[in-house]
Amino acid sequence: MESRQALRCYITIAFFLLSTAAAAAVPDSELKTAYVGKVLTLRQFDSAPQLRFDAAGKLIGKSSPEAWTVAGQLRVQDISLQQGVLHVRGQRLFLFYDSHTKSLREVGSVNNGDTARRRFLHKLPQWYAKASKVEIQIECGELQTQDDASKAMNSVFLPPDALLTDVVPAAWRSWLNRTSGESAQNLGNSTGLYRAGDGVSPPKLKYPQDPTYPEIARQARYQATTVLMLVVEANGSPRDIQIVRPAGMGLDERAVWAVQQWKFDPAKKDGQPVPVQMSVEVNFGLF
C-alpha cells in the first residue's frame, strides 16, 4: 500500500513538473534577440517618458500626444517580461531634416564635426541621452511562445510589414511616399485649381495664426523652416495641406495646425474668386 501511494505521489509530482515546463514563459534571452537594437514605431504617438498599455494595446492613463518625429519611434535597448508585463526600454528617435542629405536624421547621430551641429543646443549629446529615454509597459500575461510575444508587441507597435504612412498624419504621406520611391499623391482633387500668375491674382493672408513651439525642439534649441503646399479655396479657407520640405522635431505638425487656422482674401481671375494651389514657408526661430 505504501509503495502504491509513493508511486502515485511520484507520478503526480512528475505530471506537475511537466505541466509547469509546458507553461514556461518566453525567456528574456529570446525577447532580447528578437528586439534589442531594432527601431520600432508606436501606433500612438505620445511624448510621456513612461507609457503603459493594456493587453488590447490601449494606453492606460493620461495621454500626451505629440508629433511622430519626436514621439513615434524608438530604438530598443532592453526588453524583459516581469509578472505578465512586457518592459521595453529604449531611446526615442528625435528626427530633424538635414538639408544636405535631404532626409530626416536622428539627433543622436549628430557629432561635433557635423555641419548640422550648429543648429542645436551646445551640450546636445548629454541632453539627448537624458531626454530621449522611454519605457513602454505592455500588460500581456505570461507569454508562452515567440508568436505570443509578437502579438503583444504588435498591439502597441507597427508590425515589420506595416508602412509608416499608415499611421502618420495625412500631411506627411506625399513626402514620405516620394522619399521612399513611391509615386507622390495628388494634392486632393486638383481639377479646377489655378496657380497665381497669367491673369490670376495671388491670395492674400488676412488672418494669420502663429504656430506654437514644441517643447522638445525648444529644449534642443532647434530652429528650422518647413515648406507646405496647400489649396486656398474661393472662400479663402485652406485645405489639403501637405508637407513639401519638412523641418522635423515636431515643428511640421505645429505648422500645419497653424496654417489650418489661416484665412485669406482669395485669389481672383477676371474679378471672380477662384481656388489656387500655393506653397508657404513657416519659420521657427528662438530669440
C-alpha atoms as a PDB file:
ATOM      1  CA  MET A   1       0.000   0.000   0.000  1.00  0.00           C
ATOM      2  CA  GLU A   2       2.748   2.403   0.939  1.00  0.00           C
ATOM      3  CA  SER A   3       4.621   1.679  -2.300  1.00  0.00           C
ATOM      4  CA  ARG A   4       1.466   2.409  -4.365  1.00  0.00           C
ATOM      5  CA  GLN A   5       0.946   5.706  -2.554  1.00  0.00           C
ATOM      6  CA  ALA A   6       4.578   6.620  -3.122  1.00  0.00           C
ATOM      7  CA  LEU A   7       4.236   5.775  -6.824  1.00  0.00           C
ATOM      8  CA  ARG A   8       1.047   7.806  -7.104  1.00  0.00           C
ATOM      9  CA  CYS A   9       2.797  10.747  -5.412  1.00  0.00           C
ATOM     10  CA  TYR A  10       5.763  10.429  -7.758  1.00  0.00           C
ATOM     11  CA  ILE A  11       3.512  10.368 -10.818  1.00  0.00           C
ATOM     12  CA  THR A  12       1.623  13.421  -9.552  1.00  0.00           C
ATOM     13  CA  ILE A  13       4.846  15.340  -8.964  1.00  0.00           C
ATOM     14  CA  ALA A  14       6.203  14.344 -12.364  1.00  0.00           C
ATOM     15  CA  PHE A  15       2.988  15.466 -14.096  1.00  0.00           C
ATOM     16  CA  PHE A  16       3.111  18.778 -12.224  1.00  0.00           C
ATOM     17  CA  LEU A  17       6.692  19.376 -13.336  1.00  0.00           C
ATOM     18  CA  LEU A  18       5.846  18.581 -16.948  1.00  0.00           C
ATOM     19  CA  SER A  19       2.860  20.929 -16.847  1.00  0.00           C
ATOM     20  CA  THR A  20       4.987  23.692 -15.365  1.00  0.00           C
ATOM     21  CA  ALA A  21       7.637  23.224 -18.046  1.00  0.00           C
ATOM     22  CA  ALA A  22       4.994  23.383 -20.800  1.00  0.00           C
ATOM     23  CA  ALA A  23       3.638  26.642 -19.377  1.00  0.00           C
ATOM     24  CA  ALA A  24       7.048  28.311 -19.059  1.00  0.00           C
ATOM     25  CA  ALA A  25       7.111  31.906 -20.292  1.00  0.00           C
ATOM     26  CA  VAL A  26       9.223  33.073 -23.223  1.00  0.00           C
ATOM     27  CA  PRO A  27      12.726  33.651 -21.781  1.00  0.00           C
ATOM     28  CA  ASP A  28      14.122  37.169 -21.766  1.00  0.00           C
ATOM     29  CA  SER A  29      17.058  35.973 -23.868  1.00  0.00           C
ATOM     30  CA  GLU A  30      14.700  35.217 -26.781  1.00  0.00           C
ATOM     31  CA  LEU A  31      12.975  38.580 -26.408  1.00  0.00           C
ATOM     32  CA  LYS A  32      16.319  40.382 -26.426  1.00  0.00           C
ATOM     33  CA  THR A  33      17.457  38.506 -29.535  1.00  0.00           C
ATOM     34  CA  ALA A  34      14.246  39.414 -31.335  1.00  0.00           C
ATOM     35  CA  TYR A  35      14.031  43.108 -30.402  1.00  0.00           C
ATOM     36  CA  VAL A  36      17.156  44.712 -28.904  1.00  0.00           C
ATOM     37  CA  GLY A  37      18.742  47.107 -31.397  1.00  0.00           C
ATOM     38  CA  LYS A  38      15.642  47.347 -33.577  1.00  0.00           C
ATOM     39  CA  VAL A  39      13.746  50.562 -34.334  1.00  0.00           C
ATOM     40  CA  LEU A  40      10.031  50.251 -33.553  1.00  0.00           C
ATOM     41  CA  THR A  41       7.193  52.605 -34.476  1.00  0.00           C
ATOM     42  CA  LEU A  42       4.420  53.246 -31.985  1.00  0.00           C
ATOM     43  CA  ARG A  43       0.839  53.101 -33.198  1.00  0.00           C
ATOM     44  CA  GLN A  44       0.095  56.025 -30.883  1.00  0.00           C
ATOM     45  CA  PHE A  45       2.494  58.967 -30.710  1.00  0.00           C
ATOM     46  CA  ASP A  46       2.840  60.027 -27.091  1.00  0.00           C
ATOM     47  CA  SER A  47       5.653  62.042 -25.507  1.00  0.00           C
ATOM     48  CA  ALA A  48       5.465  60.725 -21.920  1.00  0.00           C
ATOM     49  CA  PRO A  49       8.717  59.112 -20.706  1.00  0.00           C
ATOM     50  CA  GLN A  50       6.789  56.079 -19.470  1.00  0.00           C
ATOM     51  CA  LEU A  51       3.758  54.588 -21.236  1.00  0.00           C
ATOM     52  CA  ARG A  52       1.617  51.662 -20.120  1.00  0.00           C
ATOM     53  CA  PHE A  53      -0.776  49.755 -22.385  1.00  0.00           C
ATOM     54  CA  ASP A  54      -3.363  47.085 -21.693  1.00  0.00           C
ATOM     55  CA  ALA A  55      -3.485  43.746 -23.497  1.00  0.00           C
ATOM     56  CA  ALA A  56      -5.505  45.279 -26.360  1.00  0.00           C
ATOM     57  CA  GLY A  57      -2.891  47.994 -26.960  1.00  0.00           C
ATOM     58  CA  LYS A  58      -4.938  50.769 -25.331  1.00  0.00           C
ATOM     59  CA  LEU A  59      -2.982  53.442 -23.489  1.00  0.00           C
ATOM     60  CA  ILE A  60      -3.597  53.464 -19.746  1.00  0.00           C
ATOM     61  CA  GLY A  61      -3.639  56.859 -18.063  1.00  0.00           C
ATOM     62  CA  LYS A  62      -3.311  60.400 -19.347  1.00  0.00           C
ATOM     63  CA  SER A  63      -2.326  60.884 -22.975  1.00  0.00           C
ATOM     64  CA  SER A  64       0.302  63.413 -24.129  1.00  0.00           C
ATOM     65  CA  PRO A  65       0.041  63.297 -27.940  1.00  0.00           C
ATOM     66  CA  GLU A  66       2.956  64.646 -29.932  1.00  0.00           C
ATOM     67  CA  ALA A  67       4.406  64.573 -33.443  1.00  0.00           C
ATOM     68  CA  TRP A  68       5.795  61.309 -34.804  1.00  0.00           C
ATOM     69  CA  THR A  69       9.223  62.891 -35.447  1.00  0.00           C
ATOM     70  CA  VAL A  70       9.780  63.167 -31.682  1.00  0.00           C
ATOM     71  CA  ALA A  71       7.366  60.622 -30.196  1.00  0.00           C
ATOM     72  CA  GLY A  72       6.748  57.999 -32.844  1.00  0.00           C
ATOM     73  CA  GLN A  73       9.823  55.776 -32.918  1.00  0.00           C
ATOM     74  CA  LEU A  74      12.333  54.250 -30.526  1.00  0.00           C
ATOM     75  CA  ARG A  75      15.401  52.039 -30.657  1.00  0.00           C
ATOM     76  CA  VAL A  76      15.079  49.142 -28.210  1.00  0.00           C
ATOM     77  CA  GLN A  77      17.875  48.884 -25.658  1.00  0.00           C
ATOM     78  CA  ASP A  78      16.380  46.257 -23.368  1.00  0.00           C
ATOM     79  CA  ILE A  79      13.246  44.124 -23.061  1.00  0.00           C
ATOM     80  CA  SER A  80      12.050  41.786 -20.315  1.00  0.00           C
ATOM     81  CA  LEU A  81       8.914  40.019 -19.102  1.00  0.00           C
ATOM     82  CA  GLN A  82       8.076  40.584 -15.443  1.00  0.00           C
ATOM     83  CA  GLN A  83       4.922  39.224 -13.815  1.00  0.00           C
ATOM     84  CA  GLY A  84       2.924  39.308 -17.034  1.00  0.00           C
ATOM     85  CA  VAL A  85       4.106  42.766 -18.121  1.00  0.00           C
ATOM     86  CA  LEU A  86       6.496  43.406 -21.012  1.00  0.00           C
ATOM     87  CA  HIS A  87       9.011  46.144 -20.226  1.00  0.00           C
ATOM     88  CA  VAL A  88      10.540  47.745 -23.327  1.00  0.00           C
ATOM     89  CA  ARG A  89      13.273  50.295 -22.640  1.00  0.00           C
ATOM     90  CA  GLY A  90      14.914  52.416 -25.274  1.00  0.00           C
ATOM     91  CA  GLN A  91      15.706  55.813 -26.744  1.00  0.00           C
ATOM     92  CA  ARG A  92      13.297  57.829 -28.818  1.00  0.00           C
ATOM     93  CA  LEU A  93      14.391  58.820 -32.299  1.00  0.00           C
ATOM     94  CA  PHE A  94      14.239  62.617 -32.427  1.00  0.00           C
ATOM     95  CA  LEU A  95      14.241  63.317 -36.166  1.00  0.00           C
ATOM     96  CA  PHE A  96      15.281  66.555 -37.884  1.00  0.00           C
ATOM     97  CA  TYR A  97      15.559  67.484 -41.547  1.00  0.00           C
ATOM     98  CA  ASP A  98      19.100  67.670 -42.914  1.00  0.00           C
ATOM     99  CA  SER A  99      19.187  69.949 -45.960  1.00  0.00           C
ATOM    100  CA  HIS A 100      22.480  68.397 -47.117  1.00  0.00           C
ATOM    101  CA  THR A 101      21.202  64.821 -47.265  1.00  0.00           C
ATOM    102  CA  LYS A 102      17.606  65.953 -47.922  1.00  0.00           C
ATOM    103  CA  SER A 103      16.373  63.414 -45.422  1.00  0.00           C
ATOM    104  CA  LEU A 104      15.264  63.066 -41.819  1.00  0.00           C
ATOM    105  CA  ARG A 105      18.129  62.208 -39.481  1.00  0.00           C
ATOM    106  CA  GLU A 106      18.379  61.141 -35.865  1.00  0.00           C
ATOM    107  CA  VAL A 107      19.535  63.790 -33.419  1.00  0.00           C
ATOM    108  CA  GLY A 108      21.603  61.073 -31.767  1.00  0.00           C
ATOM    109  CA  SER A 109      23.710  60.755 -34.937  1.00  0.00           C
ATOM    110  CA  VAL A 110      24.940  64.383 -34.818  1.00  0.00           C
ATOM    111  CA  ASN A 111      28.576  64.609 -33.732  1.00  0.00           C
ATOM    112  CA  ASN A 112      30.877  67.544 -33.075  1.00  0.00           C
ATOM    113  CA  GLY A 113      32.187  67.726 -36.636  1.00  0.00           C
ATOM    114  CA  ASP A 114      28.726  67.549 -38.205  1.00  0.00           C
ATOM    115  CA  THR A 115      27.527  70.512 -40.274  1.00  0.00           C
ATOM    116  CA  ALA A 116      24.133  70.180 -38.562  1.00  0.00           C
ATOM    117  CA  ARG A 117      25.694  70.576 -35.122  1.00  0.00           C
ATOM    118  CA  ARG A 118      25.324  74.371 -35.055  1.00  0.00           C
ATOM    119  CA  ARG A 119      21.538  74.080 -35.246  1.00  0.00           C
ATOM    120  CA  PHE A 120      21.283  72.575 -31.783  1.00  0.00           C
ATOM    121  CA  LEU A 121      21.980  73.054 -28.107  1.00  0.00           C
ATOM    122  CA  HIS A 122      25.686  73.233 -27.184  1.00  0.00           C
ATOM    123  CA  LYS A 123      25.546  70.150 -24.936  1.00  0.00           C
ATOM    124  CA  LEU A 124      23.491  68.105 -27.393  1.00  0.00           C
ATOM    125  CA  PRO A 125      24.774  64.563 -26.578  1.00  0.00           C
ATOM    126  CA  GLN A 126      24.165  64.949 -22.852  1.00  0.00           C
ATOM    127  CA  TRP A 127      20.722  66.428 -23.399  1.00  0.00           C
ATOM    128  CA  TYR A 128      19.709  63.775 -25.915  1.00  0.00           C
ATOM    129  CA  ALA A 129      20.842  60.865 -23.721  1.00  0.00           C
ATOM    130  CA  LYS A 130      18.536  62.085 -20.952  1.00  0.00           C
ATOM    131  CA  ALA A 131      15.594  63.496 -22.924  1.00  0.00           C
ATOM    132  CA  SER A 132      15.176  60.506 -25.233  1.00  0.00           C
ATOM    133  CA  LYS A 133      14.783  57.811 -22.561  1.00  0.00           C
ATOM    134  CA  VAL A 134      11.475  55.965 -22.690  1.00  0.00           C
ATOM    135  CA  GLU A 135       9.944  52.835 -21.170  1.00  0.00           C
ATOM    136  CA  ILE A 136       6.925  51.060 -22.633  1.00  0.00           C
ATOM    137  CA  GLN A 137       4.960  48.631 -20.465  1.00  0.00           C
ATOM    138  CA  ILE A 138       2.503  46.192 -22.043  1.00  0.00           C
ATOM    139  CA  GLU A 139       0.133  44.110 -19.926  1.00  0.00           C
ATOM    140  CA  CYS A 140       0.235  40.768 -21.725  1.00  0.00           C
ATOM    141  CA  GLY A 141       0.099  37.916 -19.204  1.00  0.00           C
ATOM    142  CA  GLU A 142       2.545  35.025 -19.373  1.00  0.00           C
ATOM    143  CA  LEU A 143       3.708  34.681 -22.970  1.00  0.00           C
ATOM    144  CA  GLN A 144       4.128  31.034 -23.939  1.00  0.00           C
ATOM    145  CA  THR A 145       5.714  31.392 -27.399  1.00  0.00           C
ATOM    146  CA  GLN A 146       7.520  33.947 -29.517  1.00  0.00           C
ATOM    147  CA  ASP A 147       4.309  34.307 -31.542  1.00  0.00           C
ATOM    148  CA  ASP A 148       2.542  35.378 -28.354  1.00  0.00           C
ATOM    149  CA  ALA A 149       5.264  37.968 -27.780  1.00  0.00           C
ATOM    150  CA  SER A 150       4.916  39.253 -31.349  1.00  0.00           C
ATOM    151  CA  LYS A 151       1.152  39.645 -30.948  1.00  0.00           C
ATOM    152  CA  ALA A 152       1.611  41.594 -27.720  1.00  0.00           C
ATOM    153  CA  MET A 153       4.235  43.857 -29.280  1.00  0.00           C
ATOM    154  CA  ASN A 154       2.188  44.369 -32.453  1.00  0.00           C
ATOM    155  CA  SER A 155      -0.741  45.653 -30.403  1.00  0.00           C
ATOM    156  CA  VAL A 156       1.404  48.662 -29.450  1.00  0.00           C
ATOM    157  CA  PHE A 157       3.992  48.866 -32.247  1.00  0.00           C
ATOM    158  CA  LEU A 158       3.629  48.565 -36.007  1.00  0.00           C
ATOM    159  CA  PRO A 159       4.475  45.074 -37.305  1.00  0.00           C
ATOM    160  CA  PRO A 160       7.540  44.809 -39.572  1.00  0.00           C
ATOM    161  CA  ASP A 161       5.494  44.691 -42.793  1.00  0.00           C
ATOM    162  CA  ALA A 162       3.398  47.807 -41.976  1.00  0.00           C
ATOM    163  CA  LEU A 163       4.034  51.212 -43.540  1.00  0.00           C
ATOM    164  CA  LEU A 164       4.765  54.420 -41.681  1.00  0.00           C
ATOM    165  CA  THR A 165       2.270  56.160 -43.959  1.00  0.00           C
ATOM    166  CA  ASP A 166      -0.468  54.060 -42.329  1.00  0.00           C
ATOM    167  CA  VAL A 167      -0.165  55.939 -39.037  1.00  0.00           C
ATOM    168  CA  VAL A 168       1.282  59.411 -39.706  1.00  0.00           C
ATOM    169  CA  PRO A 169      -0.953  62.454 -40.367  1.00  0.00           C
ATOM    170  CA  ALA A 170      -2.156  62.846 -43.956  1.00  0.00           C
ATOM    171  CA  ALA A 171       0.046  65.914 -44.482  1.00  0.00           C
ATOM    172  CA  TRP A 172       3.146  63.680 -44.330  1.00  0.00           C
ATOM    173  CA  ARG A 173       2.118  60.972 -46.766  1.00  0.00           C
ATOM    174  CA  SER A 174       3.056  62.593 -50.055  1.00  0.00           C
ATOM    175  CA  TRP A 175       6.578  63.469 -48.831  1.00  0.00           C
ATOM    176  CA  LEU A 176       7.141  60.025 -47.315  1.00  0.00           C
ATOM    177  CA  ASN A 177       5.933  58.306 -50.486  1.00  0.00           C
ATOM    178  CA  ARG A 178       8.199  60.480 -52.592  1.00  0.00           C
ATOM    179  CA  THR A 179      11.295  59.847 -50.476  1.00  0.00           C
ATOM    180  CA  SER A 180      10.630  56.110 -50.384  1.00  0.00           C
ATOM    181  CA  GLY A 181      10.361  55.940 -54.168  1.00  0.00           C
ATOM    182  CA  GLU A 182       6.587  55.687 -54.294  1.00  0.00           C
ATOM    183  CA  SER A 183       4.638  57.932 -56.616  1.00  0.00           C
ATOM    184  CA  ALA A 184       3.564  61.177 -54.988  1.00  0.00           C
ATOM    185  CA  GLN A 185      -0.112  61.598 -54.292  1.00  0.00           C
ATOM    186  CA  ASN A 186      -2.068  64.377 -55.965  1.00  0.00           C
ATOM    187  CA  LEU A 187      -2.964  67.389 -53.885  1.00  0.00           C
ATOM    188  CA  GLY A 188      -6.539  66.393 -53.174  1.00  0.00           C
ATOM    189  CA  ASN A 189      -8.792  66.977 -56.181  1.00  0.00           C
ATOM    190  CA  SER A 190      -6.694  69.173 -58.496  1.00  0.00           C
ATOM    191  CA  THR A 191      -9.481  69.652 -61.044  1.00  0.00           C
ATOM    192  CA  GLY A 192     -10.320  73.331 -61.425  1.00  0.00           C
ATOM    193  CA  LEU A 193      -7.312  74.590 -59.441  1.00  0.00           C
ATOM    194  CA  TYR A 194      -5.327  77.629 -60.557  1.00  0.00           C
ATOM    195  CA  ARG A 195      -1.864  78.967 -59.804  1.00  0.00           C
ATOM    196  CA  ALA A 196      -1.074  82.637 -59.291  1.00  0.00           C
ATOM    197  CA  GLY A 197       0.035  84.389 -62.474  1.00  0.00           C
ATOM    198  CA  ASP A 198      -1.278  84.571 -66.035  1.00  0.00           C
ATOM    199  CA  GLY A 199      -4.250  86.646 -65.008  1.00  0.00           C
ATOM    200  CA  VAL A 200      -4.753  85.017 -61.597  1.00  0.00           C
ATOM    201  CA  SER A 201      -4.010  87.263 -58.609  1.00  0.00           C
ATOM    202  CA  PRO A 202      -2.471  85.510 -55.592  1.00  0.00           C
ATOM    203  CA  PRO A 203      -4.430  85.067 -52.375  1.00  0.00           C
ATOM    204  CA  LYS A 204      -3.530  87.443 -49.542  1.00  0.00           C
ATOM    205  CA  LEU A 205      -3.227  86.308 -45.942  1.00  0.00           C
ATOM    206  CA  LYS A 206      -5.827  88.146 -43.887  1.00  0.00           C
ATOM    207  CA  TYR A 207      -5.872  86.371 -40.516  1.00  0.00           C
ATOM    208  CA  PRO A 208      -2.586  84.617 -39.644  1.00  0.00           C
ATOM    209  CA  GLN A 209      -2.101  82.247 -36.720  1.00  0.00           C
ATOM    210  CA  ASP A 210       1.375  81.752 -35.270  1.00  0.00           C
ATOM    211  CA  PRO A 211       2.407  78.145 -34.540  1.00  0.00           C
ATOM    212  CA  THR A 212       3.406  77.046 -31.067  1.00  0.00           C
ATOM    213  CA  TYR A 213       6.921  75.746 -30.446  1.00  0.00           C
ATOM    214  CA  PRO A 214       7.245  72.064 -29.465  1.00  0.00           C
ATOM    215  CA  GLU A 215       8.915  71.699 -26.085  1.00  0.00           C
ATOM    216  CA  ILE A 216      11.460  69.129 -27.290  1.00  0.00           C
ATOM    217  CA  ALA A 217      12.583  71.421 -30.139  1.00  0.00           C
ATOM    218  CA  ARG A 218      12.784  74.342 -27.728  1.00  0.00           C
ATOM    219  CA  GLN A 219      14.947  72.361 -25.302  1.00  0.00           C
ATOM    220  CA  ALA A 220      17.255  71.324 -28.148  1.00  0.00           C
ATOM    221  CA  ARG A 221      17.411  74.954 -29.384  1.00  0.00           C
ATOM    222  CA  TYR A 222      16.420  73.666 -32.808  1.00  0.00           C
ATOM    223  CA  GLN A 223      15.367  76.237 -35.415  1.00  0.00           C
ATOM    224  CA  ALA A 224      14.143  75.459 -38.915  1.00  0.00           C
ATOM    225  CA  THR A 225      11.677  76.232 -41.700  1.00  0.00           C
ATOM    226  CA  THR A 226       9.013  73.912 -43.065  1.00  0.00           C
ATOM    227  CA  VAL A 227       7.533  74.342 -46.538  1.00  0.00           C
ATOM    228  CA  LEU A 228       3.890  73.431 -47.083  1.00  0.00           C
ATOM    229  CA  MET A 229       1.711  73.089 -50.181  1.00  0.00           C
ATOM    230  CA  LEU A 230      -1.990  73.809 -49.887  1.00  0.00           C
ATOM    231  CA  VAL A 231      -5.122  74.852 -51.702  1.00  0.00           C
ATOM    232  CA  VAL A 232      -6.782  78.167 -50.861  1.00  0.00           C
ATOM    233  CA  GLU A 233     -10.467  77.846 -51.661  1.00  0.00           C
ATOM    234  CA  ALA A 234     -12.538  80.529 -53.352  1.00  0.00           C
ATOM    235  CA  ASN A 235     -13.909  81.420 -49.901  1.00  0.00           C
ATOM    236  CA  GLY A 236     -10.361  81.988 -48.552  1.00  0.00           C
ATOM    237  CA  SER A 237     -10.117  78.800 -46.474  1.00  0.00           C
ATOM    238  CA  PRO A 238      -7.065  76.491 -46.714  1.00  0.00           C
ATOM    239  CA  ARG A 239      -7.388  72.760 -47.393  1.00  0.00           C
ATOM    240  CA  ASP A 240      -5.329  69.716 -48.413  1.00  0.00           C
ATOM    241  CA  ILE A 241      -2.179  70.885 -46.622  1.00  0.00           C
ATOM    242  CA  GLN A 242       0.878  68.754 -47.401  1.00  0.00           C
ATOM    243  CA  ILE A 243       4.469  68.909 -46.267  1.00  0.00           C
ATOM    244  CA  VAL A 244       6.815  69.642 -49.172  1.00  0.00           C
ATOM    245  CA  ARG A 245      10.027  70.123 -47.186  1.00  0.00           C
ATOM    246  CA  PRO A 246       9.875  69.103 -43.547  1.00  0.00           C
ATOM    247  CA  ALA A 247      11.685  70.511 -40.543  1.00  0.00           C
ATOM    248  CA  GLY A 248      11.269  67.607 -38.149  1.00  0.00           C
ATOM    249  CA  MET A 249      11.461  67.750 -34.340  1.00  0.00           C
ATOM    250  CA  GLY A 250       7.686  68.223 -34.130  1.00  0.00           C
ATOM    251  CA  LEU A 251       7.668  71.563 -35.985  1.00  0.00           C
ATOM    252  CA  ASP A 252       5.775  70.376 -39.056  1.00  0.00           C
ATOM    253  CA  GLU A 253       2.574  69.357 -37.270  1.00  0.00           C
ATOM    254  CA  ARG A 254       2.536  72.695 -35.450  1.00  0.00           C
ATOM    255  CA  ALA A 255       2.936  74.483 -38.784  1.00  0.00           C
ATOM    256  CA  VAL A 256       0.096  72.503 -40.363  1.00  0.00           C
ATOM    257  CA  TRP A 257      -2.182  73.254 -37.417  1.00  0.00           C
ATOM    258  CA  ALA A 258      -1.400  76.983 -37.624  1.00  0.00           C
ATOM    259  CA  VAL A 259      -1.991  77.186 -41.384  1.00  0.00           C
ATOM    260  CA  GLN A 260      -5.315  75.379 -40.965  1.00  0.00           C
ATOM    261  CA  GLN A 261      -6.436  78.408 -38.925  1.00  0.00           C
ATOM    262  CA  TRP A 262      -5.383  80.971 -41.531  1.00  0.00           C
ATOM    263  CA  LYS A 263      -7.900  82.966 -43.524  1.00  0.00           C
ATOM    264  CA  PHE A 264      -7.130  84.508 -46.902  1.00  0.00           C
ATOM    265  CA  ASP A 265      -8.570  87.035 -49.257  1.00  0.00           C
ATOM    266  CA  PRO A 266      -8.971  84.589 -52.137  1.00  0.00           C
ATOM    267  CA  ALA A 267      -7.204  84.608 -55.471  1.00  0.00           C
ATOM    268  CA  LYS A 268      -9.157  86.131 -58.326  1.00  0.00           C
ATOM    269  CA  LYS A 269      -9.438  85.587 -62.042  1.00  0.00           C
ATOM    270  CA  ASP A 270     -11.395  88.094 -64.120  1.00  0.00           C
ATOM    271  CA  GLY A 271     -12.577  89.609 -60.853  1.00  0.00           C
ATOM    272  CA  GLN A 272     -14.031  86.340 -59.531  1.00  0.00           C
ATOM    273  CA  PRO A 273     -12.679  84.303 -56.569  1.00  0.00           C
ATOM    274  CA  VAL A 274     -11.025  81.047 -57.650  1.00  0.00           C
ATOM    275  CA  PRO A 275      -9.285  78.194 -55.804  1.00  0.00           C
ATOM    276  CA  VAL A 276      -5.498  78.189 -56.144  1.00  0.00           C
ATOM    277  CA  GLN A 277      -2.645  75.886 -55.255  1.00  0.00           C
ATOM    278  CA  MET A 278       0.226  77.604 -53.462  1.00  0.00           C
ATOM    279  CA  SER A 279       3.177  76.993 -51.158  1.00  0.00           C
ATOM    280  CA  VAL A 280       4.022  78.728 -47.881  1.00  0.00           C
ATOM    281  CA  GLU A 281       7.048  78.751 -45.592  1.00  0.00           C
ATOM    282  CA  VAL A 282       6.581  78.597 -41.831  1.00  0.00           C
ATOM    283  CA  ASN A 283       9.639  79.675 -39.874  1.00  0.00           C
ATOM    284  CA  PHE A 284      10.508  78.602 -36.343  1.00  0.00           C
ATOM    285  CA  GLY A 285      13.080  80.691 -34.536  1.00  0.00           C
ATOM    286  CA  LEU A 286      14.157  81.200 -30.933  1.00  0.00           C
ATOM    287  CA  PHE A 287      15.202  84.626 -29.732  1.00  0.00           C
END
